[in-house]
Amino acid sequence: MRPAVLTTSWTHLQALASQLRVFGGYRTLWLDEVAHRVVHSEPDELLEAEGLTYVDTVLHPDAETLAVVLGVVPAAEPEPQSMRPPVAAPSLAAATA
C-alpha cells in the first residue's frame, strides 16, 4: 500500500539520498506516519510490528528517485540570497527633490 502524498524539501530528499549512499547494498524504506518521517533498514528487517508502513526497497537512489518512490511532492525552497536580483536603493536625488 502506497503512503499518502507527502510534502518535503529537496534538501531533505538529498540528505536522505546521501545517507543511503553510505550503505553498500539495498535499503528498505518505511514510513513512520506518527512521527512523520522516513526510516530505512536492512531489507530483511520487518518493521510492520513497530507500526511502520513498507514503502520500497532501493539501491543508492538519488533525490528525484526518492520523490517518486515516496510519493512526495517537494516543497518550493526559498531562492538563495545570492541568486536574488539586487534591490535598487532609492537615490538621494529623488529623496531630496
PDB file of N, CA and C in Angstrom:
ATOM      1  N   MET A   1       0.832  -1.177   0.000  1.00  0.00           N
ATOM      2  CA  MET A   1       0.000   0.000   0.000  1.00  0.00           C
ATOM      3  C   MET A   1       0.881   1.246   0.000  1.00  0.00           C
ATOM      4  N   ARG A   2       0.592   2.165  -0.906  1.00  0.00           N
ATOM      5  CA  ARG A   2       1.352   3.402  -1.016  1.00  0.00           C
ATOM      6  C   ARG A   2       0.921   4.396   0.060  1.00  0.00           C
ATOM      7  N   PRO A   3       1.882   5.135   0.638  1.00  0.00           N
ATOM      8  CA  PRO A   3       1.511   6.168   1.608  1.00  0.00           C
ATOM      9  C   PRO A   3       0.822   7.333   0.908  1.00  0.00           C
ATOM     10  N   ALA A   4       0.131   8.141   1.672  1.00  0.00           N
ATOM     11  CA  ALA A   4      -0.495   9.341   1.128  1.00  0.00           C
ATOM     12  C   ALA A   4       0.599  10.280   0.630  1.00  0.00           C
ATOM     13  N   VAL A   5       0.235  11.191  -0.245  1.00  0.00           N
ATOM     14  CA  VAL A   5       1.204  12.140  -0.773  1.00  0.00           C
ATOM     15  C   VAL A   5       1.731  13.021   0.355  1.00  0.00           C
ATOM     16  N   LEU A   6       3.031  13.097   0.442  1.00  0.00           N
ATOM     17  CA  LEU A   6       3.698  13.870   1.483  1.00  0.00           C
ATOM     18  C   LEU A   6       4.336  15.103   0.858  1.00  0.00           C
ATOM     19  N   THR A   7       4.687  16.050   1.693  1.00  0.00           N
ATOM     20  CA  THR A   7       5.429  17.213   1.241  1.00  0.00           C
ATOM     21  C   THR A   7       6.717  17.285   2.037  1.00  0.00           C
ATOM     22  N   THR A   8       7.816  17.526   1.344  1.00  0.00           N
ATOM     23  CA  THR A   8       9.113  17.698   1.975  1.00  0.00           C
ATOM     24  C   THR A   8       9.943  18.601   1.089  1.00  0.00           C
ATOM     25  N   SER A   9      11.154  18.883   1.478  1.00  0.00           N
ATOM     26  CA  SER A   9      12.014  19.754   0.677  1.00  0.00           C
ATOM     27  C   SER A   9      13.018  18.923  -0.116  1.00  0.00           C
ATOM     28  N   TRP A  10      13.539  19.525  -1.184  1.00  0.00           N
ATOM     29  CA  TRP A  10      14.590  18.852  -1.944  1.00  0.00           C
ATOM     30  C   TRP A  10      15.805  18.631  -1.057  1.00  0.00           C
ATOM     31  N   THR A  11      16.057  19.560  -0.164  1.00  0.00           N
ATOM     32  CA  THR A  11      17.202  19.430   0.748  1.00  0.00           C
ATOM     33  C   THR A  11      17.059  18.171   1.587  1.00  0.00           C
ATOM     34  N   HIS A  12      15.855  17.912   2.086  1.00  0.00           N
ATOM     35  CA  HIS A  12      15.621  16.717   2.895  1.00  0.00           C
ATOM     36  C   HIS A  12      15.791  15.459   2.043  1.00  0.00           C
ATOM     37  N   LEU A  13      15.272  15.466   0.825  1.00  0.00           N
ATOM     38  CA  LEU A  13      15.422  14.301  -0.060  1.00  0.00           C
ATOM     39  C   LEU A  13      16.890  14.063  -0.400  1.00  0.00           C
ATOM     40  N   GLN A  14      17.637  15.139  -0.649  1.00  0.00           N
ATOM     41  CA  GLN A  14      19.060  14.993  -0.952  1.00  0.00           C
ATOM     42  C   GLN A  14      19.830  14.461   0.261  1.00  0.00           C
ATOM     43  N   ALA A  15      19.447  14.899   1.448  1.00  0.00           N
ATOM     44  CA  ALA A  15      20.105  14.404   2.665  1.00  0.00           C
ATOM     45  C   ALA A  15      19.828  12.913   2.852  1.00  0.00           C
ATOM     46  N   LEU A  16      18.589  12.495   2.608  1.00  0.00           N
ATOM     47  CA  LEU A  16      18.253  11.074   2.718  1.00  0.00           C
ATOM     48  C   LEU A  16      19.015  10.270   1.675  1.00  0.00           C
ATOM     49  N   ALA A  17      19.109  10.777   0.456  1.00  0.00           N
ATOM     50  CA  ALA A  17      19.870  10.084  -0.594  1.00  0.00           C
ATOM     51  C   ALA A  17      21.332   9.943  -0.180  1.00  0.00           C
ATOM     52  N   SER A  18      21.896  10.968   0.431  1.00  0.00           N
ATOM     53  CA  SER A  18      23.286  10.904   0.901  1.00  0.00           C
ATOM     54  C   SER A  18      23.452   9.852   1.985  1.00  0.00           C
ATOM     55  N   GLN A  19      22.486   9.780   2.906  1.00  0.00           N
ATOM     56  CA  GLN A  19      22.533   8.753   3.958  1.00  0.00           C
ATOM     57  C   GLN A  19      22.515   7.354   3.346  1.00  0.00           C
ATOM     58  N   LEU A  20      21.674   7.157   2.342  1.00  0.00           N
ATOM     59  CA  LEU A  20      21.515   5.835   1.747  1.00  0.00           C
ATOM     60  C   LEU A  20      22.739   5.423   0.926  1.00  0.00           C
ATOM     61  N   ARG A  21      23.479   6.394   0.378  1.00  0.00           N
ATOM     62  CA  ARG A  21      24.680   6.075  -0.411  1.00  0.00           C
ATOM     63  C   ARG A  21      25.784   5.470   0.437  1.00  0.00           C
ATOM     64  N   VAL A  22      25.745   5.692   1.744  1.00  0.00           N
ATOM     65  CA  VAL A  22      26.769   5.166   2.644  1.00  0.00           C
ATOM     66  C   VAL A  22      26.713   3.643   2.706  1.00  0.00           C
ATOM     67  N   PHE A  23      25.532   3.090   2.535  1.00  0.00           N
ATOM     68  CA  PHE A  23      25.346   1.645   2.653  1.00  0.00           C
ATOM     69  C   PHE A  23      25.697   0.959   1.335  1.00  0.00           C
ATOM     70  N   GLY A  24      26.359  -0.200   1.442  1.00  0.00           N
ATOM     71  CA  GLY A  24      26.815  -0.919   0.262  1.00  0.00           C
ATOM     72  C   GLY A  24      25.732  -1.654  -0.500  1.00  0.00           C
ATOM     73  N   GLY A  25      24.628  -1.928   0.151  1.00  0.00           N
ATOM     74  CA  GLY A  25      23.589  -2.715  -0.511  1.00  0.00           C
ATOM     75  C   GLY A  25      22.240  -2.029  -0.491  1.00  0.00           C
ATOM     76  N   TYR A  26      21.228  -2.849  -0.673  1.00  0.00           N
ATOM     77  CA  TYR A  26      19.856  -2.342  -0.692  1.00  0.00           C
ATOM     78  C   TYR A  26      19.419  -1.878   0.694  1.00  0.00           C
ATOM     79  N   ARG A  27      18.512  -0.909   0.715  1.00  0.00           N
ATOM     80  CA  ARG A  27      17.886  -0.427   1.948  1.00  0.00           C
ATOM     81  C   ARG A  27      16.380  -0.434   1.742  1.00  0.00           C
ATOM     82  N   THR A  28      15.669  -0.782   2.782  1.00  0.00           N
ATOM     83  CA  THR A  28      14.211  -0.769   2.738  1.00  0.00           C
ATOM     84  C   THR A  28      13.725   0.503   3.411  1.00  0.00           C
ATOM     85  N   LEU A  29      12.799   1.186   2.739  1.00  0.00           N
ATOM     86  CA  LEU A  29      12.241   2.433   3.253  1.00  0.00           C
ATOM     87  C   LEU A  29      10.901   2.158   3.920  1.00  0.00           C
ATOM     88  N   TRP A  30      10.710   2.780   5.075  1.00  0.00           N
ATOM     89  CA  TRP A  30       9.488   2.632   5.856  1.00  0.00           C
ATOM     90  C   TRP A  30       8.964   4.016   6.197  1.00  0.00           C
ATOM     91  N   LEU A  31       7.672   4.138   6.260  1.00  0.00           N
ATOM     92  CA  LEU A  31       7.053   5.402   6.642  1.00  0.00           C
ATOM     93  C   LEU A  31       6.531   5.290   8.062  1.00  0.00           C
ATOM     94  N   ASP A  32       7.006   6.199   8.913  1.00  0.00           N
ATOM     95  CA  ASP A  32       6.517   6.312  10.281  1.00  0.00           C
ATOM     96  C   ASP A  32       5.490   7.440  10.257  1.00  0.00           C
ATOM     97  N   GLU A  33       4.222   7.077  10.125  1.00  0.00           N
ATOM     98  CA  GLU A  33       3.165   8.070   9.965  1.00  0.00           C
ATOM     99  C   GLU A  33       2.891   8.846  11.249  1.00  0.00           C
ATOM    100  N   VAL A  34       3.266   8.305  12.389  1.00  0.00           N
ATOM    101  CA  VAL A  34       3.067   9.007  13.659  1.00  0.00           C
ATOM    102  C   VAL A  34       4.092  10.134  13.798  1.00  0.00           C
ATOM    103  N   ALA A  35       5.363   9.829  13.539  1.00  0.00           N
ATOM    104  CA  ALA A  35       6.438  10.811  13.674  1.00  0.00           C
ATOM    105  C   ALA A  35       6.673  11.604  12.387  1.00  0.00           C
ATOM    106  N   HIS A  36       5.949  11.259  11.313  1.00  0.00           N
ATOM    107  CA  HIS A  36       6.076  11.945  10.016  1.00  0.00           C
ATOM    108  C   HIS A  36       7.516  11.921   9.524  1.00  0.00           C
ATOM    109  N   ARG A  37       8.061  10.708   9.425  1.00  0.00           N
ATOM    110  CA  ARG A  37       9.440  10.578   8.962  1.00  0.00           C
ATOM    111  C   ARG A  37       9.596   9.283   8.175  1.00  0.00           C
ATOM    112  N   VAL A  38      10.677   9.225   7.425  1.00  0.00           N
ATOM    113  CA  VAL A  38      11.036   8.028   6.677  1.00  0.00           C
ATOM    114  C   VAL A  38      12.170   7.345   7.423  1.00  0.00           C
ATOM    115  N   VAL A  39      12.056   6.039   7.588  1.00  0.00           N
ATOM    116  CA  VAL A  39      13.067   5.237   8.267  1.00  0.00           C
ATOM    117  C   VAL A  39      13.612   4.255   7.239  1.00  0.00           C
ATOM    118  N   HIS A  40      14.901   3.956   7.295  1.00  0.00           N
ATOM    119  CA  HIS A  40      15.450   2.929   6.404  1.00  0.00           C
ATOM    120  C   HIS A  40      16.109   1.838   7.236  1.00  0.00           C
ATOM    121  N   SER A  41      16.086   0.625   6.673  1.00  0.00           N
ATOM    122  CA  SER A  41      16.617  -0.539   7.390  1.00  0.00           C
ATOM    123  C   SER A  41      17.206  -1.529   6.396  1.00  0.00           C
ATOM    124  N   GLU A  42      17.812  -2.570   6.935  1.00  0.00           N
ATOM    125  CA  GLU A  42      18.253  -3.684   6.103  1.00  0.00           C
ATOM    126  C   GLU A  42      17.012  -4.335   5.502  1.00  0.00           C
ATOM    127  N   PRO A  43      17.105  -4.873   4.285  1.00  0.00           N
ATOM    128  CA  PRO A  43      15.925  -5.469   3.652  1.00  0.00           C
ATOM    129  C   PRO A  43      15.288  -6.623   4.437  1.00  0.00           C
ATOM    130  N   ASP A  44      16.068  -7.320   5.245  1.00  0.00           N
ATOM    131  CA  ASP A  44      15.498  -8.457   5.975  1.00  0.00           C
ATOM    132  C   ASP A  44      14.824  -8.049   7.290  1.00  0.00           C
ATOM    133  N   GLU A  45      14.899  -6.768   7.650  1.00  0.00           N
ATOM    134  CA  GLU A  45      14.227  -6.293   8.867  1.00  0.00           C
ATOM    135  C   GLU A  45      12.780  -5.944   8.532  1.00  0.00           C
ATOM    136  N   LEU A  46      11.860  -6.547   9.270  1.00  0.00           N
ATOM    137  CA  LEU A  46      10.440  -6.274   9.067  1.00  0.00           C
ATOM    138  C   LEU A  46       9.953  -5.381  10.192  1.00  0.00           C
ATOM    139  N   LEU A  47       9.522  -4.177   9.843  1.00  0.00           N
ATOM    140  CA  LEU A  47       9.178  -3.195  10.858  1.00  0.00           C
ATOM    141  C   LEU A  47       7.682  -2.907  10.960  1.00  0.00           C
ATOM    142  N   GLU A  48       6.857  -3.725  10.313  1.00  0.00           N
ATOM    143  CA  GLU A  48       5.408  -3.531  10.428  1.00  0.00           C
ATOM    144  C   GLU A  48       4.935  -3.652  11.871  1.00  0.00           C
ATOM    145  N   ALA A  49       5.547  -4.566  12.625  1.00  0.00           N
ATOM    146  CA  ALA A  49       5.155  -4.776  14.019  1.00  0.00           C
ATOM    147  C   ALA A  49       5.410  -3.532  14.872  1.00  0.00           C
ATOM    148  N   GLU A  50       6.290  -2.649  14.400  1.00  0.00           N
ATOM    149  CA  GLU A  50       6.574  -1.409  15.116  1.00  0.00           C
ATOM    150  C   GLU A  50       5.690  -0.259  14.630  1.00  0.00           C
ATOM    151  N   GLY A  51       4.716  -0.594  13.786  1.00  0.00           N
ATOM    152  CA  GLY A  51       3.770   0.415  13.313  1.00  0.00           C
ATOM    153  C   GLY A  51       4.211   1.172  12.078  1.00  0.00           C
ATOM    154  N   LEU A  52       5.261   0.712  11.413  1.00  0.00           N
ATOM    155  CA  LEU A  52       5.743   1.390  10.216  1.00  0.00           C
ATOM    156  C   LEU A  52       5.115   0.772   8.968  1.00  0.00           C
ATOM    157  N   THR A  53       5.015   1.579   7.919  1.00  0.00           N
ATOM    158  CA  THR A  53       4.433   1.139   6.658  1.00  0.00           C
ATOM    159  C   THR A  53       5.542   0.952   5.629  1.00  0.00           C
ATOM    160  N   TYR A  54       5.603  -0.241   5.015  1.00  0.00           N
ATOM    161  CA  TYR A  54       6.601  -0.525   3.989  1.00  0.00           C
ATOM    162  C   TYR A  54       6.349   0.365   2.776  1.00  0.00           C
ATOM    163  N   VAL A  55       7.450   0.938   2.235  1.00  0.00           N
ATOM    164  CA  VAL A  55       7.337   1.781   1.048  1.00  0.00           C
ATOM    165  C   VAL A  55       7.995   1.098  -0.142  1.00  0.00           C
ATOM    166  N   ASP A  56       9.299   0.811  -0.046  1.00  0.00           N
ATOM    167  CA  ASP A  56      10.022   0.207  -1.165  1.00  0.00           C
ATOM    168  C   ASP A  56      11.415  -0.193  -0.689  1.00  0.00           C
ATOM    169  N   THR A  57      12.094  -0.998  -1.504  1.00  0.00           N
ATOM    170  CA  THR A  57      13.490  -1.355  -1.255  1.00  0.00           C
ATOM    171  C   THR A  57      14.292  -0.764  -2.398  1.00  0.00           C
ATOM    172  N   VAL A  58      15.359  -0.015  -2.070  1.00  0.00           N
ATOM    173  CA  VAL A  58      16.102   0.758  -3.066  1.00  0.00           C
ATOM    174  C   VAL A  58      17.603   0.513  -2.948  1.00  0.00           C
ATOM    175  N   LEU A  59      18.314   0.848  -4.021  1.00  0.00           N
ATOM    176  CA  LEU A  59      19.773   0.761  -4.055  1.00  0.00           C
ATOM    177  C   LEU A  59      20.316   2.100  -4.534  1.00  0.00           C
ATOM    178  N   HIS A  60      20.910   2.864  -3.642  1.00  0.00           N
ATOM    179  CA  HIS A  60      21.548   4.148  -3.939  1.00  0.00           C
ATOM    180  C   HIS A  60      20.674   5.096  -4.768  1.00  0.00           C
ATOM    181  N   PRO A  61      19.485   5.409  -4.301  1.00  0.00           N
ATOM    182  CA  PRO A  61      18.621   6.318  -5.079  1.00  0.00           C
ATOM    183  C   PRO A  61      19.085   7.768  -4.971  1.00  0.00           C
ATOM    184  N   ASP A  62      18.762   8.555  -5.998  1.00  0.00           N
ATOM    185  CA  ASP A  62      19.005   9.991  -5.909  1.00  0.00           C
ATOM    186  C   ASP A  62      17.733  10.654  -5.382  1.00  0.00           C
ATOM    187  N   ALA A  63      17.774  11.961  -5.181  1.00  0.00           N
ATOM    188  CA  ALA A  63      16.633  12.678  -4.605  1.00  0.00           C
ATOM    189  C   ALA A  63      15.388  12.558  -5.481  1.00  0.00           C
ATOM    190  N   GLU A  64      15.565  12.606  -6.804  1.00  0.00           N
ATOM    191  CA  GLU A  64      14.421  12.505  -7.712  1.00  0.00           C
ATOM    192  C   GLU A  64      13.748  11.144  -7.592  1.00  0.00           C
ATOM    193  N   THR A  65      14.555  10.097  -7.513  1.00  0.00           N
ATOM    194  CA  THR A  65      14.016   8.746  -7.362  1.00  0.00           C
ATOM    195  C   THR A  65      13.276   8.619  -6.042  1.00  0.00           C
ATOM    196  N   LEU A  66      13.846   9.165  -4.984  1.00  0.00           N
ATOM    197  CA  LEU A  66      13.179   9.113  -3.680  1.00  0.00           C
ATOM    198  C   LEU A  66      11.839   9.829  -3.720  1.00  0.00           C
ATOM    199  N   ALA A  67      11.760  10.960  -4.418  1.00  0.00           N
ATOM    200  CA  ALA A  67      10.493  11.685  -4.529  1.00  0.00           C
ATOM    201  C   ALA A  67       9.425  10.805  -5.160  1.00  0.00           C
ATOM    202  N   VAL A  68       9.789  10.078  -6.208  1.00  0.00           N
ATOM    203  CA  VAL A  68       8.837   9.193  -6.894  1.00  0.00           C
ATOM    204  C   VAL A  68       8.464   8.016  -5.999  1.00  0.00           C
ATOM    205  N   VAL A  69       9.464   7.366  -5.423  1.00  0.00           N
ATOM    206  CA  VAL A  69       9.238   6.177  -4.597  1.00  0.00           C
ATOM    207  C   VAL A  69       8.376   6.512  -3.377  1.00  0.00           C
ATOM    208  N   LEU A  70       8.649   7.653  -2.768  1.00  0.00           N
ATOM    209  CA  LEU A  70       7.921   8.036  -1.558  1.00  0.00           C
ATOM    210  C   LEU A  70       6.593   8.728  -1.871  1.00  0.00           C
ATOM    211  N   GLY A  71       6.361   9.035  -3.137  1.00  0.00           N
ATOM    212  CA  GLY A  71       5.143   9.749  -3.492  1.00  0.00           C
ATOM    213  C   GLY A  71       5.135  11.146  -2.907  1.00  0.00           C
ATOM    214  N   VAL A  72       6.313  11.773  -2.923  1.00  0.00           N
ATOM    215  CA  VAL A  72       6.495  13.066  -2.273  1.00  0.00           C
ATOM    216  C   VAL A  72       6.414  14.191  -3.299  1.00  0.00           C
ATOM    217  N   VAL A  73       5.821  15.275  -2.887  1.00  0.00           N
ATOM    218  CA  VAL A  73       5.828  16.499  -3.682  1.00  0.00           C
ATOM    219  C   VAL A  73       6.809  17.441  -2.990  1.00  0.00           C
ATOM    220  N   PRO A  74       7.995  17.651  -3.589  1.00  0.00           N
ATOM    221  CA  PRO A  74       8.959  18.540  -2.938  1.00  0.00           C
ATOM    222  C   PRO A  74       8.415  19.958  -2.834  1.00  0.00           C
ATOM    223  N   ALA A  75       8.506  20.529  -1.656  1.00  0.00           N
ATOM    224  CA  ALA A  75       8.048  21.896  -1.421  1.00  0.00           C
ATOM    225  C   ALA A  75       9.033  22.868  -2.056  1.00  0.00           C
ATOM    226  N   ALA A  76       8.521  23.977  -2.496  1.00  0.00           N
ATOM    227  CA  ALA A  76       9.393  25.009  -3.063  1.00  0.00           C
ATOM    228  C   ALA A  76      10.299  25.532  -1.963  1.00  0.00           C
ATOM    229  N   GLU A  77      11.565  25.665  -2.292  1.00  0.00           N
ATOM    230  CA  GLU A  77      12.525  26.182  -1.326  1.00  0.00           C
ATOM    231  C   GLU A  77      12.834  27.621  -1.668  1.00  0.00           C
ATOM    232  N   PRO A  78      13.133  28.424  -0.666  1.00  0.00           N
ATOM    233  CA  PRO A  78      13.457  29.817  -0.951  1.00  0.00           C
ATOM    234  C   PRO A  78      14.681  29.913  -1.841  1.00  0.00           C
ATOM    235  N   GLU A  79      14.666  30.876  -2.725  1.00  0.00           N
ATOM    236  CA  GLU A  79      15.794  31.101  -3.616  1.00  0.00           C
ATOM    237  C   GLU A  79      16.982  31.576  -2.782  1.00  0.00           C
ATOM    238  N   PRO A  80      18.187  31.061  -3.051  1.00  0.00           N
ATOM    239  CA  PRO A  80      19.351  31.515  -2.282  1.00  0.00           C
ATOM    240  C   PRO A  80      19.529  33.019  -2.419  1.00  0.00           C
ATOM    241  N   GLN A  81      19.992  33.649  -1.377  1.00  0.00           N
ATOM    242  CA  GLN A  81      20.170  35.106  -1.352  1.00  0.00           C
ATOM    243  C   GLN A  81      21.022  35.575  -2.522  1.00  0.00           C
ATOM    244  N   SER A  82      22.065  34.820  -2.866  1.00  0.00           N
ATOM    245  CA  SER A  82      22.981  35.226  -3.938  1.00  0.00           C
ATOM    246  C   SER A  82      22.310  35.192  -5.309  1.00  0.00           C
ATOM    247  N   MET A  83      21.198  34.457  -5.457  1.00  0.00           N
ATOM    248  CA  MET A  83      20.515  34.339  -6.739  1.00  0.00           C
ATOM    249  C   MET A  83      19.438  35.410  -6.927  1.00  0.00           C
ATOM    250  N   ARG A  84      19.072  36.112  -5.874  1.00  0.00           N
ATOM    251  CA  ARG A  84      18.031  37.124  -5.962  1.00  0.00           C
ATOM    252  C   ARG A  84      18.588  38.380  -6.627  1.00  0.00           C
ATOM    253  N   PRO A  85      17.782  39.031  -7.475  1.00  0.00           N
ATOM    254  CA  PRO A  85      18.263  40.270  -8.076  1.00  0.00           C
ATOM    255  C   PRO A  85      18.425  41.342  -7.005  1.00  0.00           C
ATOM    256  N   PRO A  86      19.417  42.193  -7.156  1.00  0.00           N
ATOM    257  CA  PRO A  86      19.618  43.234  -6.149  1.00  0.00           C
ATOM    258  C   PRO A  86      18.442  44.207  -6.138  1.00  0.00           C
ATOM    259  N   VAL A  87      18.133  44.687  -4.974  1.00  0.00           N
ATOM    260  CA  VAL A  87      17.065  45.667  -4.826  1.00  0.00           C
ATOM    261  C   VAL A  87      17.708  47.037  -4.967  1.00  0.00           C
ATOM    262  N   ALA A  88      17.166  47.834  -5.872  1.00  0.00           N
ATOM    263  CA  ALA A  88      17.733  49.166  -6.099  1.00  0.00           C
ATOM    264  C   ALA A  88      17.430  50.056  -4.907  1.00  0.00           C
ATOM    265  N   ALA A  89      18.467  50.688  -4.392  1.00  0.00           N
ATOM    266  CA  ALA A  89      18.282  51.612  -3.280  1.00  0.00           C
ATOM    267  C   ALA A  89      17.761  52.926  -3.840  1.00  0.00           C
ATOM    268  N   PRO A  90      16.901  53.604  -3.106  1.00  0.00           N
ATOM    269  CA  PRO A  90      16.415  54.888  -3.601  1.00  0.00           C
ATOM    270  C   PRO A  90      17.570  55.877  -3.698  1.00  0.00           C
ATOM    271  N   SER A  91      17.552  56.683  -4.741  1.00  0.00           N
ATOM    272  CA  SER A  91      18.647  57.650  -4.915  1.00  0.00           C
ATOM    273  C   SER A  91      18.436  58.857  -4.021  1.00  0.00           C
ATOM    274  N   LEU A  92      19.519  59.505  -3.642  1.00  0.00           N
ATOM    275  CA  LEU A  92      19.438  60.693  -2.814  1.00  0.00           C
ATOM    276  C   LEU A  92      18.764  61.832  -3.567  1.00  0.00           C
ATOM    277  N   ALA A  93      18.985  61.904  -4.879  1.00  0.00           N
ATOM    278  CA  ALA A  93      18.397  62.984  -5.672  1.00  0.00           C
ATOM    279  C   ALA A  93      16.873  62.903  -5.633  1.00  0.00           C
ATOM    280  N   ALA A  94      16.336  61.683  -5.710  1.00  0.00           N
ATOM    281  CA  ALA A  94      14.893  61.508  -5.679  1.00  0.00           C
ATOM    282  C   ALA A  94      14.346  61.829  -4.302  1.00  0.00           C
ATOM    283  N   ALA A  95      15.117  61.556  -3.256  1.00  0.00           N
ATOM    284  CA  ALA A  95      14.656  61.781  -1.896  1.00  0.00           C
ATOM    285  C   ALA A  95      14.647  63.265  -1.535  1.00  0.00           C
ATOM    286  N   THR A  96      15.538  64.058  -2.151  1.00  0.00           N
ATOM    287  CA  THR A  96      15.622  65.475  -1.834  1.00  0.00           C
ATOM    288  C   THR A  96      14.853  66.359  -2.800  1.00  0.00           C
ATOM    289  N   ALA A  97      14.333  65.820  -3.855  1.00  0.00           N
ATOM    290  CA  ALA A  97      13.634  66.623  -4.863  1.00  0.00           C
ATOM    291  C   ALA A  97      12.245  66.993  -4.452  1.00  0.00           C
TER     292      ALA A  97
END
